[in-house]
């Protein structure tokens, strides 16, 4: 990523703190962007047809949550919950689109 792309992302993010067990996003809602985990751990999970909770991933600092759903332009398939105290940055969808348009892979 170019320096200007990094500056664009860094200047247009919302940083939020979550307590242990607090929901970061909920299945069925449309992504507003991509969550970058800055500190702490997050689990994503869904409830199976048998009613049991299935953990689909554990996300650590430096990793992102909600990427696949955002890129596919579909509602979240999973729930994301803080396993510990978490600091996460939401990078807005419009900013991501500008970055994708200006810096294709």
Protein backbone atom coordinates (compact mmCIF):
# COMPACT_ATOMS: atom_id res chain seq x y z
CA UNK A 1 0.00 0.00 0.00
CA UNK A 2 1.28 3.45 -0.84
CA UNK A 3 1.93 6.07 1.81
CA UNK A 4 -1.06 8.08 0.59
CA UNK A 5 -3.26 4.96 0.89
CA UNK A 6 -2.05 4.37 4.43
CA UNK A 7 -2.71 8.01 5.34
CA UNK A 8 -6.21 7.75 3.88
CA UNK A 9 -6.97 4.68 6.01
CA UNK A 10 -5.38 6.11 9.13
CA UNK A 11 -7.22 9.41 8.84
CA UNK A 12 -10.66 7.88 8.30
CA UNK A 13 -11.06 5.22 10.94
CA UNK A 14 -13.16 5.05 14.06
CA UNK A 15 -11.38 3.47 17.03
CA UNK A 16 -13.59 1.86 19.65
CA UNK A 17 -13.01 -0.07 22.86
CA UNK A 18 -15.05 -3.16 23.73
CA UNK A 19 -15.37 -4.93 27.07
CA UNK A 20 -14.97 -8.69 27.42
CA UNK A 21 -18.06 -10.44 25.95
CA UNK A 22 -19.29 -7.26 24.22
CA UNK A 23 -20.64 -7.70 20.69
CA UNK A 24 -18.62 -6.01 17.95
CA UNK A 25 -21.07 -6.91 15.20
CA UNK A 26 -24.13 -9.12 14.84
CA UNK A 27 -25.03 -11.65 12.14
CA UNK A 28 -27.60 -10.34 9.69
CA UNK A 29 -26.50 -6.70 9.79
CA UNK A 30 -24.78 -5.05 6.83
CA UNK A 31 -21.07 -4.25 7.26
CA UNK A 32 -20.22 -0.54 7.53
CA UNK A 33 -16.58 -1.31 6.84
CA UNK A 34 -13.84 -3.63 8.07
CA UNK A 35 -12.79 -4.01 11.70
CA UNK A 36 -9.03 -4.04 12.37
CA UNK A 37 -8.20 -5.53 15.76
CA UNK A 38 -5.61 -3.33 17.48
CA UNK A 39 -5.52 -4.95 20.93
CA UNK A 40 -7.15 -8.02 22.49
CA UNK A 41 -8.82 -11.06 20.96
CA UNK A 42 -12.15 -11.48 19.18
CA UNK A 43 -14.10 -14.62 18.38
CA UNK A 44 -16.55 -14.97 15.53
CA UNK A 45 -19.33 -17.46 15.98
CA UNK A 46 -22.70 -18.62 14.72
CA UNK A 47 -25.45 -20.85 16.03
CA UNK A 48 -25.81 -24.15 14.18
CA UNK A 49 -29.08 -25.77 13.19
CA UNK A 50 -28.80 -27.91 16.32
CA UNK A 51 -28.75 -24.77 18.48
CA UNK A 52 -25.08 -25.15 19.45
CA UNK A 53 -22.62 -22.27 19.17
CA UNK A 54 -19.83 -22.85 16.65
CA UNK A 55 -16.71 -20.69 16.90
CA UNK A 56 -15.68 -19.85 13.34
CA UNK A 57 -12.48 -17.92 14.08
CA UNK A 58 -10.35 -16.27 16.74
CA UNK A 59 -8.90 -12.93 15.62
CA UNK A 60 -5.75 -11.42 17.13
CA UNK A 61 -4.19 -7.93 16.95
CA UNK A 62 -3.25 -6.94 13.42
CA UNK A 63 -5.95 -9.12 11.89
CA UNK A 64 -9.27 -8.02 10.41
CA UNK A 65 -12.88 -9.02 11.04
CA UNK A 66 -15.78 -8.83 8.61
CA UNK A 67 -13.62 -8.69 5.49
CA UNK A 68 -15.32 -11.45 3.50
CA UNK A 69 -18.82 -10.15 4.17
CA UNK A 70 -17.81 -6.60 3.29
CA UNK A 71 -16.14 -7.61 0.03
CA UNK A 72 -19.06 -9.88 -0.93
CA UNK A 73 -21.49 -7.05 -0.11
CA UNK A 74 -23.60 -9.36 2.07
CA UNK A 75 -24.80 -9.10 5.69
CA UNK A 76 -22.54 -10.53 8.38
CA UNK A 77 -22.77 -14.34 8.43
CA UNK A 78 -21.30 -14.54 11.95
CA UNK A 79 -21.33 -12.63 15.21
CA UNK A 80 -18.12 -11.05 16.53
CA UNK A 81 -17.57 -10.88 20.29
CA UNK A 82 -14.69 -9.62 22.41
CA UNK A 83 -12.90 -12.49 24.20
CA UNK A 84 -10.85 -9.96 26.17
CA UNK A 85 -10.87 -6.18 26.40
CA UNK A 86 -10.53 -5.14 22.76
CA UNK A 87 -9.52 -2.01 20.90
CA UNK A 88 -10.63 -2.13 17.28
CA UNK A 89 -10.64 0.34 14.41
CA UNK A 90 -13.52 0.45 11.94
CA UNK A 91 -12.34 1.49 8.51
CA UNK A 92 -15.34 3.02 6.74
CA UNK A 93 -16.73 1.34 3.61
CA UNK A 94 -16.50 4.53 1.50
CA UNK A 95 -12.82 4.97 2.40
CA UNK A 96 -12.12 1.33 1.59
CA UNK A 97 -13.79 1.74 -1.79
CA UNK A 98 -11.65 4.82 -2.56
CA UNK A 99 -8.55 2.85 -1.63
CA UNK A 100 -9.57 -0.15 -3.76
CA UNK A 101 -10.30 2.13 -6.71
CA UNK A 102 -6.99 3.99 -6.43
CA UNK A 103 -4.75 1.01 -5.59
CA UNK A 104 -6.01 -2.15 -7.29
CA UNK A 105 -4.19 -5.37 -6.43
